[in-house]
Full PDB file with SEQRES, HELIX, SHEET, SSBOND, CRYST1, ORIGX, SCALE, CONECT and MASTER records, all heavy atoms in Angstrom:
SEQRES   1 A   33  THR HIS ALA GLU PHE GLY SER ALA PRO THR ALA GLY THR          
SEQRES   2 A   33  ASN TYR THR LEU ARG SER THR GLY SER GLN HIS VAL TYR          
SEQRES   3 A   33  SER GLU SER LEU THR ALA GLY                                  
SHEET    1 AA1 2 TYR A  15  LEU A  17  0                                        
SHEET    2 AA1 2 GLU A  28  LEU A  30 -1                                        
CRYST1    1.000    1.000    1.000  90.00  90.00  90.00 P 1           1          
ORIGX1      1.000000  0.000000  0.000000        0.00000                         
ORIGX2      0.000000  1.000000  0.000000        0.00000                         
ORIGX3      0.000000  0.000000  1.000000        0.00000                         
SCALE1      1.000000  0.000000  0.000000        0.00000                         
SCALE2      0.000000  1.000000  0.000000        0.00000                         
SCALE3      0.000000  0.000000  1.000000        0.00000                         
ATOM      1  N   THR A   1      82.978 -64.226  -6.659  1.00  0.00           N  
ATOM      2  CA  THR A   1      83.286 -65.517  -6.074  1.00  0.00           C  
ATOM      3  C   THR A   1      83.891 -65.365  -4.692  1.00  0.00           C  
ATOM      4  O   THR A   1      84.337 -64.259  -4.320  1.00  0.00           O  
ATOM      5  CB  THR A   1      84.237 -66.339  -6.968  1.00  0.00           C  
ATOM      6  OG1 THR A   1      84.264 -67.704  -6.543  1.00  0.00           O  
ATOM      7  CG2 THR A   1      85.646 -65.766  -6.960  1.00  0.00           C  
ATOM      8  N   HIS A   2      83.909 -66.445  -3.949  1.00  0.00           N  
ATOM      9  CA  HIS A   2      84.597 -66.529  -2.665  1.00  0.00           C  
ATOM     10  C   HIS A   2      85.182 -67.917  -2.531  1.00  0.00           C  
ATOM     11  O   HIS A   2      84.552 -68.911  -2.923  1.00  0.00           O  
ATOM     12  CB  HIS A   2      83.654 -66.263  -1.488  1.00  0.00           C  
ATOM     13  CG  HIS A   2      84.277 -66.622  -0.163  1.00  0.00           C  
ATOM     14  ND1 HIS A   2      85.132 -65.765   0.484  1.00  0.00           N  
ATOM     15  CD2 HIS A   2      84.216 -67.746   0.592  1.00  0.00           C  
ATOM     16  CE1 HIS A   2      85.563 -66.338   1.588  1.00  0.00           C  
ATOM     17  NE2 HIS A   2      85.012 -67.541   1.689  1.00  0.00           N  
ATOM     18  N   ALA A   3      86.393 -67.986  -1.959  1.00  0.00           N  
ATOM     19  CA  ALA A   3      87.061 -69.262  -1.719  1.00  0.00           C  
ATOM     20  C   ALA A   3      86.881 -69.694  -0.267  1.00  0.00           C  
ATOM     21  O   ALA A   3      87.078 -68.886   0.652  1.00  0.00           O  
ATOM     22  CB  ALA A   3      88.537 -69.175  -2.058  1.00  0.00           C  
ATOM     23  N   GLU A   4      86.553 -70.946  -0.067  1.00  0.00           N  
ATOM     24  CA  GLU A   4      86.273 -71.465   1.284  1.00  0.00           C  
ATOM     25  C   GLU A   4      87.452 -71.260   2.234  1.00  0.00           C  
ATOM     26  O   GLU A   4      87.260 -70.904   3.399  1.00  0.00           O  
ATOM     27  CB  GLU A   4      85.921 -72.950   1.193  1.00  0.00           C  
ATOM     28  CG  GLU A   4      85.565 -73.573   2.526  1.00  0.00           C  
ATOM     29  CD  GLU A   4      85.096 -75.012   2.384  1.00  0.00           C  
ATOM     30  OE1 GLU A   4      85.195 -75.574   1.285  1.00  0.00           O  
ATOM     31  OE2 GLU A   4      84.643 -75.582   3.399  1.00  0.00           O  
ATOM     32  N   PHE A   5      88.669 -71.453   1.742  1.00  0.00           N  
ATOM     33  CA  PHE A   5      89.842 -71.316   2.614  1.00  0.00           C  
ATOM     34  C   PHE A   5      90.688 -70.103   2.259  1.00  0.00           C  
ATOM     35  O   PHE A   5      91.889 -70.046   2.568  1.00  0.00           O  
ATOM     36  CB  PHE A   5      90.665 -72.601   2.572  1.00  0.00           C  
ATOM     37  CG  PHE A   5      89.999 -73.726   3.319  1.00  0.00           C  
ATOM     38  CD1 PHE A   5      89.190 -74.635   2.648  1.00  0.00           C  
ATOM     39  CD2 PHE A   5      90.127 -73.852   4.688  1.00  0.00           C  
ATOM     40  CE1 PHE A   5      88.561 -75.660   3.322  1.00  0.00           C  
ATOM     41  CE2 PHE A   5      89.502 -74.877   5.378  1.00  0.00           C  
ATOM     42  CZ  PHE A   5      88.708 -75.775   4.706  1.00  0.00           C  
ATOM     43  N   GLY A   6      90.067 -69.115   1.627  1.00  0.00           N  
ATOM     44  CA  GLY A   6      90.719 -67.825   1.475  1.00  0.00           C  
ATOM     45  C   GLY A   6      91.658 -67.675   0.310  1.00  0.00           C  
ATOM     46  O   GLY A   6      92.455 -66.718   0.266  1.00  0.00           O  
ATOM     47  N   SER A   7      91.623 -68.579  -0.662  1.00  0.00           N  
ATOM     48  CA  SER A   7      92.473 -68.423  -1.837  1.00  0.00           C  
ATOM     49  C   SER A   7      92.110 -67.145  -2.600  1.00  0.00           C  
ATOM     50  O   SER A   7      90.967 -66.713  -2.594  1.00  0.00           O  
ATOM     51  CB  SER A   7      92.321 -69.631  -2.768  1.00  0.00           C  
ATOM     52  OG  SER A   7      92.708 -70.817  -2.108  1.00  0.00           O  
ATOM     53  N   ALA A   8      93.097 -66.575  -3.264  1.00  0.00           N  
ATOM     54  CA  ALA A   8      92.900 -65.309  -3.986  1.00  0.00           C  
ATOM     55  C   ALA A   8      92.964 -65.548  -5.483  1.00  0.00           C  
ATOM     56  O   ALA A   8      94.046 -65.707  -6.055  1.00  0.00           O  
ATOM     57  CB  ALA A   8      93.950 -64.299  -3.558  1.00  0.00           C  
ATOM     58  N   PRO A   9      91.820 -65.556  -6.179  1.00  0.00           N  
ATOM     59  CA  PRO A   9      91.844 -65.772  -7.628  1.00  0.00           C  
ATOM     60  C   PRO A   9      92.185 -64.483  -8.364  1.00  0.00           C  
ATOM     61  O   PRO A   9      92.135 -63.392  -7.804  1.00  0.00           O  
ATOM     62  CB  PRO A   9      90.405 -66.191  -7.940  1.00  0.00           C  
ATOM     63  CG  PRO A   9      89.609 -65.400  -6.931  1.00  0.00           C  
ATOM     64  CD  PRO A   9      90.452 -65.397  -5.674  1.00  0.00           C  
ATOM     65  N   THR A  10      92.537 -64.629  -9.629  1.00  0.00           N  
ATOM     66  CA  THR A  10      92.666 -63.487 -10.529  1.00  0.00           C  
ATOM     67  C   THR A  10      91.494 -63.500 -11.497  1.00  0.00           C  
ATOM     68  O   THR A  10      90.745 -64.474 -11.571  1.00  0.00           O  
ATOM     69  CB  THR A  10      94.003 -63.520 -11.293  1.00  0.00           C  
ATOM     70  OG1 THR A  10      94.094 -64.774 -12.001  1.00  0.00           O  
ATOM     71  CG2 THR A  10      95.167 -63.413 -10.322  1.00  0.00           C  
ATOM     72  N   ALA A  11      91.340 -62.404 -12.232  1.00  0.00           N  
ATOM     73  CA  ALA A  11      90.216 -62.295 -13.152  1.00  0.00           C  
ATOM     74  C   ALA A  11      90.295 -63.333 -14.249  1.00  0.00           C  
ATOM     75  O   ALA A  11      91.377 -63.751 -14.678  1.00  0.00           O  
ATOM     76  CB  ALA A  11      90.178 -60.895 -13.766  1.00  0.00           C  
ATOM     77  N   GLY A  12      89.115 -63.733 -14.719  1.00  0.00           N  
ATOM     78  CA  GLY A  12      89.063 -64.666 -15.839  1.00  0.00           C  
ATOM     79  C   GLY A  12      89.395 -63.977 -17.155  1.00  0.00           C  
ATOM     80  O   GLY A  12      89.511 -62.746 -17.237  1.00  0.00           O  
ATOM     81  N   THR A  13      89.540 -64.771 -18.209  1.00  0.00           N  
ATOM     82  CA  THR A  13      89.844 -64.264 -19.530  1.00  0.00           C  
ATOM     83  C   THR A  13      88.761 -63.280 -19.980  1.00  0.00           C  
ATOM     84  O   THR A  13      87.559 -63.563 -19.862  1.00  0.00           O  
ATOM     85  CB  THR A  13      89.952 -65.421 -20.539  1.00  0.00           C  
ATOM     86  OG1 THR A  13      90.942 -66.330 -20.094  1.00  0.00           O  
ATOM     87  CG2 THR A  13      90.280 -64.920 -21.926  1.00  0.00           C  
ATOM     88  N   ASN A  14      89.179 -62.119 -20.452  1.00  0.00           N  
ATOM     89  CA  ASN A  14      88.315 -61.021 -20.921  1.00  0.00           C  
ATOM     90  C   ASN A  14      87.628 -60.242 -19.809  1.00  0.00           C  
ATOM     91  O   ASN A  14      86.765 -59.409 -20.079  1.00  0.00           O  
ATOM     92  CB  ASN A  14      87.255 -61.520 -21.917  1.00  0.00           C  
ATOM     93  CG  ASN A  14      87.867 -62.139 -23.161  1.00  0.00           C  
ATOM     94  OD1 ASN A  14      88.896 -61.640 -23.658  1.00  0.00           O  
ATOM     95  ND2 ASN A  14      87.278 -63.195 -23.665  1.00  0.00           N  
ATOM     96  N   TYR A  15      88.014 -60.509 -18.553  1.00  0.00           N  
ATOM     97  CA  TYR A  15      87.436 -59.809 -17.405  1.00  0.00           C  
ATOM     98  C   TYR A  15      88.486 -58.986 -16.694  1.00  0.00           C  
ATOM     99  O   TYR A  15      89.691 -59.279 -16.760  1.00  0.00           O  
ATOM    100  CB  TYR A  15      86.825 -60.787 -16.424  1.00  0.00           C  
ATOM    101  CG  TYR A  15      85.475 -61.331 -16.828  1.00  0.00           C  
ATOM    102  CD1 TYR A  15      85.368 -62.386 -17.720  1.00  0.00           C  
ATOM    103  CD2 TYR A  15      84.300 -60.772 -16.340  1.00  0.00           C  
ATOM    104  CE1 TYR A  15      84.127 -62.890 -18.103  1.00  0.00           C  
ATOM    105  CE2 TYR A  15      83.051 -61.258 -16.717  1.00  0.00           C  
ATOM    106  CZ  TYR A  15      82.984 -62.315 -17.595  1.00  0.00           C  
ATOM    107  OH  TYR A  15      81.754 -62.798 -17.979  1.00  0.00           O  
ATOM    108  N   THR A  16      88.026 -57.960 -15.950  1.00  0.00           N  
ATOM    109  CA  THR A  16      88.875 -57.160 -15.082  1.00  0.00           C  
ATOM    110  C   THR A  16      88.384 -57.326 -13.648  1.00  0.00           C  
ATOM    111  O   THR A  16      87.186 -57.177 -13.383  1.00  0.00           O  
ATOM    112  CB  THR A  16      88.816 -55.670 -15.460  1.00  0.00           C  
ATOM    113  OG1 THR A  16      89.386 -55.503 -16.767  1.00  0.00           O  
ATOM    114  CG2 THR A  16      89.586 -54.800 -14.469  1.00  0.00           C  
ATOM    115  N   LEU A  17      89.329 -57.643 -12.737  1.00  0.00           N  
ATOM    116  CA  LEU A  17      88.972 -57.770 -11.334  1.00  0.00           C  
ATOM    117  C   LEU A  17      88.697 -56.377 -10.763  1.00  0.00           C  
ATOM    118  O   LEU A  17      89.523 -55.474 -10.876  1.00  0.00           O  
ATOM    119  CB  LEU A  17      90.108 -58.432 -10.567  1.00  0.00           C  
ATOM    120  CG  LEU A  17      89.787 -59.009  -9.186  1.00  0.00           C  
ATOM    121  CD1 LEU A  17      88.853 -60.209  -9.335  1.00  0.00           C  
ATOM    122  CD2 LEU A  17      91.069 -59.411  -8.473  1.00  0.00           C  
ATOM    123  N   ARG A  18      87.517 -56.198 -10.186  1.00  0.00           N  
ATOM    124  CA  ARG A  18      87.139 -54.897  -9.625  1.00  0.00           C  
ATOM    125  C   ARG A  18      87.425 -54.797  -8.132  1.00  0.00           C  
ATOM    126  O   ARG A  18      87.547 -53.710  -7.598  1.00  0.00           O  
ATOM    127  CB  ARG A  18      85.648 -54.635  -9.875  1.00  0.00           C  
ATOM    128  CG  ARG A  18      85.249 -54.686 -11.352  1.00  0.00           C  
ATOM    129  CD  ARG A  18      85.996 -53.695 -12.198  1.00  0.00           C  
ATOM    130  NE  ARG A  18      85.521 -53.683 -13.577  1.00  0.00           N  
ATOM    131  CZ  ARG A  18      86.017 -52.897 -14.538  1.00  0.00           C  
ATOM    132  NH1 ARG A  18      87.026 -52.072 -14.253  1.00  0.00           N  
ATOM    133  NH2 ARG A  18      85.520 -52.942 -15.770  1.00  0.00           N  
ATOM    134  N   SER A  19      87.520 -55.935  -7.446  1.00  0.00           N  
ATOM    135  CA  SER A  19      87.800 -55.941  -6.009  1.00  0.00           C  
ATOM    136  C   SER A  19      89.293 -55.759  -5.777  1.00  0.00           C  
ATOM    137  O   SER A  19      90.132 -56.086  -6.619  1.00  0.00           O  
ATOM    138  CB  SER A  19      87.328 -57.264  -5.399  1.00  0.00           C  
ATOM    139  OG  SER A  19      85.936 -57.432  -5.562  1.00  0.00           O  
ATOM    140  N   THR A  20      89.627 -55.280  -4.579  1.00  0.00           N  
ATOM    141  CA  THR A  20      91.030 -55.044  -4.238  1.00  0.00           C  
ATOM    142  C   THR A  20      91.791 -56.316  -3.944  1.00  0.00           C  
ATOM    143  O   THR A  20      93.014 -56.344  -3.947  1.00  0.00           O  
ATOM    144  CB  THR A  20      91.133 -54.114  -3.008  1.00  0.00           C  
ATOM    145  OG1 THR A  20      90.549 -54.783  -1.886  1.00  0.00           O  
ATOM    146  CG2 THR A  20      90.414 -52.805  -3.243  1.00  0.00           C  
ATOM    147  N   GLY A  21      91.073 -57.387  -3.645  1.00  0.00           N  
ATOM    148  CA  GLY A  21      91.725 -58.646  -3.342  1.00  0.00           C  
ATOM    149  C   GLY A  21      91.997 -58.870  -1.872  1.00  0.00           C  
ATOM    150  O   GLY A  21      92.619 -59.851  -1.510  1.00  0.00           O  
ATOM    151  N   SER A  22      91.514 -57.977  -1.021  1.00  0.00           N  
ATOM    152  CA  SER A  22      91.779 -58.135   0.415  1.00  0.00           C  
ATOM    153  C   SER A  22      90.493 -58.241   1.244  1.00  0.00           C  
ATOM    154  O   SER A  22      90.546 -58.158   2.457  1.00  0.00           O  
ATOM    155  CB  SER A  22      92.585 -56.936   0.928  1.00  0.00           C  
ATOM    156  OG  SER A  22      91.858 -55.734   0.728  1.00  0.00           O  
ATOM    157  N   GLN A  23      89.358 -58.410   0.576  1.00  0.00           N  
ATOM    158  CA  GLN A  23      88.075 -58.307   1.262  1.00  0.00           C  
ATOM    159  C   GLN A  23      87.263 -59.602   1.260  1.00  0.00           C  
ATOM    160  O   GLN A  23      86.076 -59.572   1.504  1.00  0.00           O  
ATOM    161  CB  GLN A  23      87.246 -57.154   0.650  1.00  0.00           C  
ATOM    162  CG  GLN A  23      87.967 -55.834   0.581  1.00  0.00           C  
ATOM    163  CD  GLN A  23      88.328 -55.257   1.933  1.00  0.00           C  
ATOM    164  OE1 GLN A  23      87.770 -55.669   2.959  1.00  0.00           O  
ATOM    165  NE2 GLN A  23      89.217 -54.313   1.969  1.00  0.00           N  
ATOM    166  N   HIS A  24      87.889 -60.729   0.900  1.00  0.00           N  
ATOM    167  CA  HIS A  24      87.252 -62.036   0.927  1.00  0.00           C  
ATOM    168  C   HIS A  24      86.305 -62.291  -0.247  1.00  0.00           C  
ATOM    169  O   HIS A  24      86.078 -63.426  -0.613  1.00  0.00           O  
ATOM    170  CB  HIS A  24      86.498 -62.301   2.241  1.00  0.00           C  
ATOM    171  CG  HIS A  24      87.418 -62.558   3.386  1.00  0.00           C  
ATOM    172  ND1 HIS A  24      87.635 -63.808   3.883  1.00  0.00           N  
ATOM    173  CD2 HIS A  24      88.174 -61.722   4.141  1.00  0.00           C  
ATOM    174  CE1 HIS A  24      88.476 -63.743   4.891  1.00  0.00           C  
ATOM    175  NE2 HIS A  24      88.833 -62.490   5.062  1.00  0.00           N  
ATOM    176  N   VAL A  25      85.713 -61.242  -0.813  1.00  0.00           N  
ATOM    177  CA  VAL A  25      84.875 -61.375  -2.000  1.00  0.00           C  
ATOM    178  C   VAL A  25      85.614 -60.803  -3.202  1.00  0.00           C  
ATOM    179  O   VAL A  25      86.162 -59.711  -3.124  1.00  0.00           O  
ATOM    180  CB  VAL A  25      83.523 -60.656  -1.818  1.00  0.00           C  
ATOM    181  CG1 VAL A  25      82.773 -60.553  -3.134  1.00  0.00           C  
ATOM    182  CG2 VAL A  25      82.660 -61.367  -0.790  1.00  0.00           C  
ATOM    183  N   TYR A  26      85.608 -61.555  -4.302  1.00  0.00           N  
ATOM    184  CA  TYR A  26      86.290 -61.115  -5.526  1.00  0.00           C  
ATOM    185  C   TYR A  26      85.239 -60.911  -6.611  1.00  0.00           C  
ATOM    186  O   TYR A  26      84.518 -61.846  -6.957  1.00  0.00           O  
ATOM    187  CB  TYR A  26      87.323 -62.155  -5.956  1.00  0.00           C  
ATOM    188  CG  TYR A  26      88.445 -62.287  -4.948  1.00  0.00           C  
ATOM    189  CD1 TYR A  26      88.290 -63.107  -3.836  1.00  0.00           C  
ATOM    190  CD2 TYR A  26      89.618 -61.586  -5.103  1.00  0.00           C  
ATOM    191  CE1 TYR A  26      89.300 -63.219  -2.876  1.00  0.00           C  
ATOM    192  CE2 TYR A  26      90.645 -61.689  -4.163  1.00  0.00           C  
ATOM    193  CZ  TYR A  26      90.474 -62.498  -3.058  1.00  0.00           C  
ATOM    194  OH  TYR A  26      91.467 -62.600  -2.117  1.00  0.00           O  
ATOM    195  N   SER A  27      85.153 -59.687  -7.148  1.00  0.00           N  
ATOM    196  CA  SER A  27      84.159 -59.388  -8.168  1.00  0.00           C  
ATOM    197  C   SER A  27      84.848 -58.893  -9.414  1.00  0.00           C  
ATOM    198  O   SER A  27      85.936 -58.311  -9.369  1.00  0.00           O  
ATOM    199  CB  SER A  27      83.152 -58.360  -7.662  1.00  0.00           C  
ATOM    200  OG  SER A  27      83.783 -57.121  -7.404  1.00  0.00           O  
ATOM    201  N   GLU A  28      84.181 -59.086 -10.555  1.00  0.00           N  
ATOM    202  CA  GLU A  28      84.762 -58.701 -11.839  1.00  0.00           C  
ATOM    203  C   GLU A  28      83.667 -58.287 -12.807  1.00  0.00           C  
ATOM    204  O   GLU A  28      82.476 -58.553 -12.588  1.00  0.00           O  
ATOM    205  CB  GLU A  28      85.548 -59.870 -12.450  1.00  0.00           C  
ATOM    206  CG  GLU A  28      84.689 -61.086 -12.807  1.00  0.00           C  
ATOM    207  CD  GLU A  28      85.475 -62.285 -13.318  1.00  0.00           C  
ATOM    208  OE1 GLU A  28      86.713 -62.256 -13.265  1.00  0.00           O  
ATOM    209  OE2 GLU A  28      84.822 -63.251 -13.783  1.00  0.00           O  
ATOM    210  N   SER A  29      84.059 -57.605 -13.865  1.00  0.00           N  
ATOM    211  CA  SER A  29      83.173 -57.337 -15.000  1.00  0.00           C  
ATOM    212  C   SER A  29      84.013 -57.349 -16.262  1.00  0.00           C  
ATOM    213  O   SER A  29      85.261 -57.341 -16.195  1.00  0.00           O  
ATOM    214  CB  SER A  29      82.445 -56.001 -14.831  1.00  0.00           C  
ATOM    215  OG  SER A  29      83.346 -54.917 -14.786  1.00  0.00           O  
ATOM    216  N   LEU A  30      83.375 -57.360 -17.396  1.00  0.00           N  
ATOM    217  CA  LEU A  30      84.088 -57.487 -18.672  1.00  0.00           C  
ATOM    218  C   LEU A  30      85.020 -56.307 -18.902  1.00  0.00           C  
ATOM    219  O   LEU A  30      84.641 -55.157 -18.735  1.00  0.00           O  
ATOM    220  CB  LEU A  30      83.099 -57.608 -19.809  1.00  0.00           C  
ATOM    221  CG  LEU A  30      82.368 -58.949 -19.931  1.00  0.00           C  
ATOM    222  CD1 LEU A  30      81.219 -58.830 -20.907  1.00  0.00           C  
ATOM    223  CD2 LEU A  30      83.314 -60.060 -20.358  1.00  0.00           C  
ATOM    224  N   THR A  31      86.252 -56.610 -19.332  1.00  0.00           N  
ATOM    225  CA  THR A  31      87.237 -55.578 -19.630  1.00  0.00           C  
ATOM    226  C   THR A  31      86.749 -54.659 -20.721  1.00  0.00           C  
ATOM    227  O   THR A  31      86.972 -53.425 -20.681  1.00  0.00           O  
ATOM    228  CB  THR A  31      88.578 -56.207 -20.031  1.00  0.00           C  
ATOM    229  OG1 THR A  31      89.016 -57.067 -18.970  1.00  0.00           O  
ATOM    230  CG2 THR A  31      89.627 -55.158 -20.308  1.00  0.00           C  
ATOM    231  N   ALA A  32      86.052 -55.207 -21.708  1.00  0.00           N  
ATOM    232  CA  ALA A  32      85.578 -54.416 -22.847  1.00  0.00           C  
ATOM    233  C   ALA A  32      84.386 -53.540 -22.494  1.00  0.00           C  
ATOM    234  O   ALA A  32      83.973 -52.706 -23.300  1.00  0.00           O  
ATOM    235  CB  ALA A  32      85.187 -55.345 -23.996  1.00  0.00           C  
ATOM    236  N   GLY A  33      83.835 -53.708 -21.305  1.00  0.00           N  
ATOM    237  CA  GLY A  33      82.700 -52.898 -20.878  1.00  0.00           C  
ATOM    238  C   GLY A  33      81.456 -53.742 -20.718  1.00  0.00           C  
ATOM    239  O   GLY A  33      81.012 -53.996 -19.617  1.00  0.00           O  
TER     240      GLY A  33                                                      
MASTER        0    0    0    0    2    0    0    6  239    1    0    3          
END                                                                             
């Protein structure tokens, strides 16, 4: 995901955020694999 005005989301339920949080794009995948 990406936020129009730069908000920083956290991972959704059952997901792990893979992005560092400083690059404008936030990516995730399932924590369980």
